[in-house]
């Protein structure tokens, strides 16, 4: 039985950079377009938002138990501060456990920039939140974009990037994707269900958050070409070793992984 082939880290990072750049280009147009449509209060979008929101509000009023579950999820599990705390803990783990200082800083800075962008857009667009005669929840400040949706998208997107960057196995990768998608979609649905956001607010948070992550991944590969978050925070160069299983280590030579016996890196 042959062991699974080891991937060249440089090739992995080039692939991530290319995909993130393409994703950024694909997300930029709909993101800007949605901001413009919301700012201009485009009639068809306003009508669609209103129709969906009125329907979900009726459901929320008729199902108080389910509405309470949505409150718990949105106020505790997927709250922006919960997401930011998760991001901060990840940055500390990267710096302390793997010595990946620049990568930790990049992750933390991206999360902080996301908060600044969402707050700036809220102030600039100044969109009013839905108002109901029988509200099931309340929220303050402007509506667009949804801070819950954007923060969850940014943090989950960054975590998926790190999982991929550190070469997680297929099972872990799939589990991470499922959990991230469930969290991002779930928090958006709770905001609409509770009647504190229009659907396009949530869509804006998803689009802008995804765009920011794509730009962060792309720019990291461009600005830090020699420190692309290699495992253990070191610069992977010709002849460097990567600790592997007990009694073995992997040496990268001529773009190929060679597993040899030994104690690993001195």
Protein backbone atom coordinates (compact mmCIF):
# COMPACT_ATOMS: atom_id res chain seq x y z
CA UNK A 1 0.00 0.00 0.00
CA UNK A 2 1.59 3.25 -1.12
CA UNK A 3 1.35 6.43 1.00
CA UNK A 4 -0.60 9.38 -0.38
CA UNK A 5 1.60 11.69 -2.47
CA UNK A 6 2.75 14.83 -0.72
CA UNK A 7 1.94 18.13 -2.40
CA UNK A 8 4.53 20.75 -3.17
CA UNK A 9 3.67 23.74 -0.89
CA UNK A 10 4.72 26.27 -3.52
CA UNK A 11 2.34 24.71 -6.05
CA UNK A 12 -0.46 24.68 -3.47
CA UNK A 13 -0.02 28.37 -2.73
CA UNK A 14 0.15 29.31 -6.40
CA UNK A 15 -3.12 27.48 -6.96
CA UNK A 16 -4.76 29.29 -4.03
CA UNK A 17 -3.50 32.65 -5.29
CA UNK A 18 -4.84 32.04 -8.80
CA UNK A 19 -8.23 30.87 -7.60
CA UNK A 20 -8.60 33.74 -5.14
CA UNK A 21 -7.72 36.29 -7.83
CA UNK A 22 -10.37 34.86 -10.14
CA UNK A 23 -12.89 34.81 -7.30
CA UNK A 24 -12.15 38.45 -6.49
CA UNK A 25 -12.82 39.47 -10.09
CA UNK A 26 -16.05 37.45 -10.18
CA UNK A 27 -17.29 38.93 -6.88
CA UNK A 28 -16.35 42.56 -7.52
CA UNK A 29 -19.03 43.26 -10.14
CA UNK A 30 -22.09 41.93 -8.26
CA UNK A 31 -20.84 43.51 -5.02
CA UNK A 32 -20.53 46.97 -6.52
CA UNK A 33 -23.78 46.56 -8.44
CA UNK A 34 -25.72 45.61 -5.31
CA UNK A 35 -24.29 48.56 -3.37
CA UNK A 36 -25.43 50.89 -6.16
CA UNK A 37 -28.91 49.35 -6.38
CA UNK A 38 -29.43 49.59 -2.64
CA UNK A 39 -28.13 53.15 -2.52
CA UNK A 40 -30.40 54.21 -5.39
CA UNK A 41 -33.34 52.32 -3.85
CA UNK A 42 -34.04 50.45 -7.08
CA UNK A 43 -37.76 49.70 -7.19
CA UNK A 44 -37.72 45.98 -8.13
CA UNK A 45 -35.16 45.25 -5.41
CA UNK A 46 -37.17 47.17 -2.82
CA UNK A 47 -40.32 45.27 -3.79
CA UNK A 48 -38.55 41.91 -3.63
CA UNK A 49 -37.05 42.72 -0.23
CA UNK A 50 -40.43 43.80 1.09
CA UNK A 51 -42.27 40.73 -0.17
CA UNK A 52 -39.78 38.26 1.29
CA UNK A 53 -39.54 40.13 4.60
CA UNK A 54 -43.30 40.32 5.09
CA UNK A 55 -43.62 36.60 4.50
CA UNK A 56 -40.82 35.60 6.88
CA UNK A 57 -42.11 38.02 9.52
CA UNK A 58 -45.50 36.33 9.48
CA UNK A 59 -43.77 32.99 9.97
CA UNK A 60 -41.65 34.38 12.83
CA UNK A 61 -44.71 35.70 14.65
CA UNK A 62 -46.58 32.42 14.15
CA UNK A 63 -43.64 30.26 15.34
CA UNK A 64 -42.34 31.74 18.63
CA UNK A 65 -40.29 28.65 19.56
CA UNK A 66 -38.42 28.68 16.27
CA UNK A 67 -37.98 32.42 16.57
CA UNK A 68 -36.35 31.94 19.98
CA UNK A 69 -33.91 29.45 18.46
CA UNK A 70 -33.03 32.04 15.83
CA UNK A 71 -32.39 34.62 18.56
CA UNK A 72 -29.99 32.30 20.36
CA UNK A 73 -28.11 31.47 17.18
CA UNK A 74 -27.82 35.07 16.04
CA UNK A 75 -27.03 36.58 19.47
CA UNK A 76 -24.59 33.96 20.75
CA UNK A 77 -23.39 31.34 18.29
CA UNK A 78 -23.01 33.55 15.21
CA UNK A 79 -22.76 36.94 16.85
CA UNK A 80 -20.06 39.14 15.23
CA UNK A 81 -18.14 39.31 18.49
CA UNK A 82 -18.15 35.53 18.71
CA UNK A 83 -16.76 35.38 15.18
CA UNK A 84 -14.13 38.01 15.93
CA UNK A 85 -13.07 36.15 19.07
CA UNK A 86 -12.67 32.99 17.00
CA UNK A 87 -10.54 34.90 14.51
CA UNK A 88 -8.40 36.38 17.31
CA UNK A 89 -7.88 32.96 18.87
CA UNK A 90 -6.81 31.60 15.48
CA UNK A 91 -4.32 34.43 15.03
CA UNK A 92 -2.83 33.75 18.47
CA UNK A 93 -2.59 30.03 17.63
CA UNK A 94 -0.78 30.79 14.38
CA UNK A 95 1.71 33.08 16.07
CA UNK A 96 2.32 31.03 19.20
CA UNK A 97 2.07 27.46 17.95
CA UNK A 98 3.46 27.83 14.43
CA UNK A 99 5.45 31.08 14.60
CA UNK A 100 3.50 32.29 11.55
CA UNK A 101 3.58 35.92 12.68
CA UNK A 102 2.88 37.53 9.34
CA UNK A 103 0.04 35.15 8.57
CA UNK A 104 -1.48 35.77 12.01
CA UNK A 105 -1.26 39.51 11.45
CA UNK A 106 -2.80 39.16 7.99
CA UNK A 107 -5.77 37.20 9.36
CA UNK A 108 -6.38 39.64 12.21
CA UNK A 109 -6.01 42.67 9.94
CA UNK A 110 -8.45 41.26 7.38
CA UNK A 111 -11.07 40.74 10.06
CA UNK A 112 -10.55 44.28 11.37
CA UNK A 113 -10.73 45.75 7.88
CA UNK A 114 -14.00 43.88 7.31
CA UNK A 115 -15.50 45.55 10.38
CA UNK A 116 -14.34 48.98 9.19
CA UNK A 117 -15.78 48.41 5.71
CA UNK A 118 -19.19 47.29 6.95
CA UNK A 119 -19.48 50.19 9.40
CA UNK A 120 -18.39 52.69 6.76
CA UNK A 121 -20.92 51.35 4.27
CA UNK A 122 -23.68 51.43 6.86
CA UNK A 123 -22.96 55.10 7.49
CA UNK A 124 -22.59 55.95 3.80
CA UNK A 125 -25.68 54.10 2.53
CA UNK A 126 -27.83 54.85 5.56
CA UNK A 127 -30.48 52.28 4.79
CA UNK A 128 -33.35 51.96 7.25
CA UNK A 129 -34.08 48.60 8.85
CA UNK A 130 -37.49 46.92 8.52
CA UNK A 131 -40.12 48.31 10.88
CA UNK A 132 -42.94 46.08 12.17
CA UNK A 133 -45.99 46.76 14.33
CA UNK A 134 -45.29 43.49 16.16
CA UNK A 135 -41.49 43.02 16.09
CA UNK A 136 -39.94 39.78 17.30
CA UNK A 137 -36.47 41.28 17.75
CA UNK A 138 -34.67 44.60 17.50
CA UNK A 139 -31.41 45.93 16.12
CA UNK A 140 -29.77 49.32 15.88
CA UNK A 141 -27.85 51.41 13.37
CA UNK A 142 -28.19 51.21 9.59
CA UNK A 143 -29.11 48.01 7.76
CA UNK A 144 -26.81 47.61 4.75
CA UNK A 145 -24.74 45.47 4.74
CA UNK A 146 -25.59 42.92 7.41
CA UNK A 147 -22.76 42.93 9.94
CA UNK A 148 -23.61 39.42 11.10
CA UNK A 149 -23.53 38.00 7.57
CA UNK A 150 -20.36 39.84 6.52
CA UNK A 151 -18.40 39.02 9.68
CA UNK A 152 -19.33 35.34 9.53
CA UNK A 153 -18.36 35.21 5.86
CA UNK A 154 -14.99 36.86 6.48
CA UNK A 155 -14.06 34.70 9.47
CA UNK A 156 -15.27 31.41 7.97
CA UNK A 157 -13.59 32.24 4.68
CA UNK A 158 -10.28 32.95 6.40
CA UNK A 159 -10.51 29.74 8.40
CA UNK A 160 -11.14 27.72 5.25
CA UNK A 161 -8.10 29.36 3.66
CA UNK A 162 -5.96 28.34 6.64
CA UNK A 163 -7.30 24.78 6.61
CA UNK A 164 -6.35 24.53 2.94
CA UNK A 165 -3.03 26.28 3.47
CA UNK A 166 -1.94 23.85 6.14
CA UNK A 167 -2.75 20.82 4.03
CA UNK A 168 -5.72 19.37 5.90
CA UNK A 169 -6.91 15.94 4.84
CA UNK A 170 -9.94 15.44 2.64
CA UNK A 171 -12.28 14.52 5.50
CA UNK A 172 -11.31 17.55 7.58
CA UNK A 173 -11.57 19.84 4.57
CA UNK A 174 -15.06 18.63 3.71
CA UNK A 175 -16.20 18.95 7.32
CA UNK A 176 -14.80 22.49 7.50
CA UNK A 177 -16.56 23.49 4.27
CA UNK A 178 -19.91 22.10 5.46
CA UNK A 179 -19.62 23.86 8.83
CA UNK A 180 -18.57 27.16 7.24
CA UNK A 181 -21.34 27.13 4.64
CA UNK A 182 -23.93 26.19 7.26
CA UNK A 183 -22.77 29.03 9.53
CA UNK A 184 -22.66 31.69 6.83
CA UNK A 185 -26.04 30.82 5.33
CA UNK A 186 -27.57 30.16 8.75
CA UNK A 187 -26.68 33.51 10.25
CA UNK A 188 -28.04 35.31 7.21
CA UNK A 189 -31.35 33.49 7.44
CA UNK A 190 -31.68 34.30 11.14
CA UNK A 191 -31.35 38.03 10.40
CA UNK A 192 -34.15 37.92 7.85
CA UNK A 193 -36.32 35.64 10.01
CA UNK A 194 -36.04 38.02 12.97
CA UNK A 195 -37.04 40.94 10.75
CA UNK A 196 -33.97 43.07 11.47
CA UNK A 197 -32.53 42.98 7.95
CA UNK A 198 -33.77 43.05 4.39
CA UNK A 199 -32.68 40.03 2.30
CA UNK A 200 -30.41 42.23 0.16
CA UNK A 201 -28.61 43.37 3.34
CA UNK A 202 -27.66 39.76 3.98
CA UNK A 203 -26.73 39.20 0.34
CA UNK A 204 -24.52 42.28 0.50
CA UNK A 205 -22.78 40.91 3.59
CA UNK A 206 -22.14 37.60 1.87
CA UNK A 207 -20.80 39.20 -1.32
CA UNK A 208 -18.63 41.83 0.35
CA UNK A 209 -17.27 39.37 2.90
CA UNK A 210 -16.36 36.87 0.18
CA UNK A 211 -14.74 39.62 -1.87
CA UNK A 212 -12.64 40.75 1.08
CA UNK A 213 -11.41 37.21 1.76
CA UNK A 214 -10.53 36.70 -1.91
CA UNK A 215 -8.59 39.98 -1.93
CA UNK A 216 -6.83 39.08 1.32
CA UNK A 217 -5.68 35.71 0.01
CA UNK A 218 -4.57 37.18 -3.31
CA UNK A 219 -2.71 40.12 -1.77
CA UNK A 220 -0.99 37.88 0.78
CA UNK A 221 0.46 35.82 -2.04
CA UNK A 222 1.63 38.99 -3.81
CA UNK A 223 2.96 40.99 -0.86
CA UNK A 224 4.50 38.05 1.00
CA UNK A 225 5.86 35.85 -1.81
CA UNK A 226 8.50 34.24 0.44
CA UNK A 227 6.30 33.74 3.50
CA UNK A 228 3.01 32.38 2.22
CA UNK A 229 1.96 30.88 5.51
CA UNK A 230 4.18 27.84 5.19
CA UNK A 231 3.57 25.35 7.98
CA UNK A 232 5.44 26.34 11.17
CA UNK A 233 5.81 29.89 9.86
CA UNK A 234 9.18 29.26 8.19
CA UNK A 235 10.27 30.11 4.69
CA UNK A 236 10.25 26.89 2.65
CA UNK A 237 13.39 26.80 0.57
CA UNK A 238 15.47 24.27 -1.29
CA UNK A 239 16.42 21.45 1.07
CA UNK A 240 14.12 22.47 3.92
CA UNK A 241 12.55 19.74 6.03
CA UNK A 242 8.95 19.38 7.12
CA UNK A 243 8.38 17.27 10.24
CA UNK A 244 6.22 14.29 9.48
CA UNK A 245 5.37 11.06 11.26
CA UNK A 246 7.53 9.80 14.09
CA UNK A 247 10.95 8.84 12.87
CA UNK A 248 10.42 10.40 9.44
CA UNK A 249 10.61 13.81 7.87
CA UNK A 250 10.05 15.22 4.42
CA UNK A 251 12.69 17.12 2.49
CA UNK A 252 11.80 19.32 -0.47
CA UNK A 253 14.41 19.01 -3.19
CA UNK A 254 14.07 20.09 -6.80
CA UNK A 255 10.32 20.63 -6.36
CA UNK A 256 9.74 17.07 -5.10
CA UNK A 257 8.95 15.65 -1.67
CA UNK A 258 11.35 13.02 -0.41
CA UNK A 259 10.40 11.20 2.80
CA UNK A 260 13.44 9.95 4.70
CA UNK A 261 14.07 8.48 8.13
CA UNK A 262 15.53 10.66 10.78
CA UNK A 263 14.70 13.08 13.53
CA UNK A 264 13.58 15.84 11.18
CA UNK A 265 14.76 19.40 11.30
CA UNK A 266 17.70 20.04 13.63
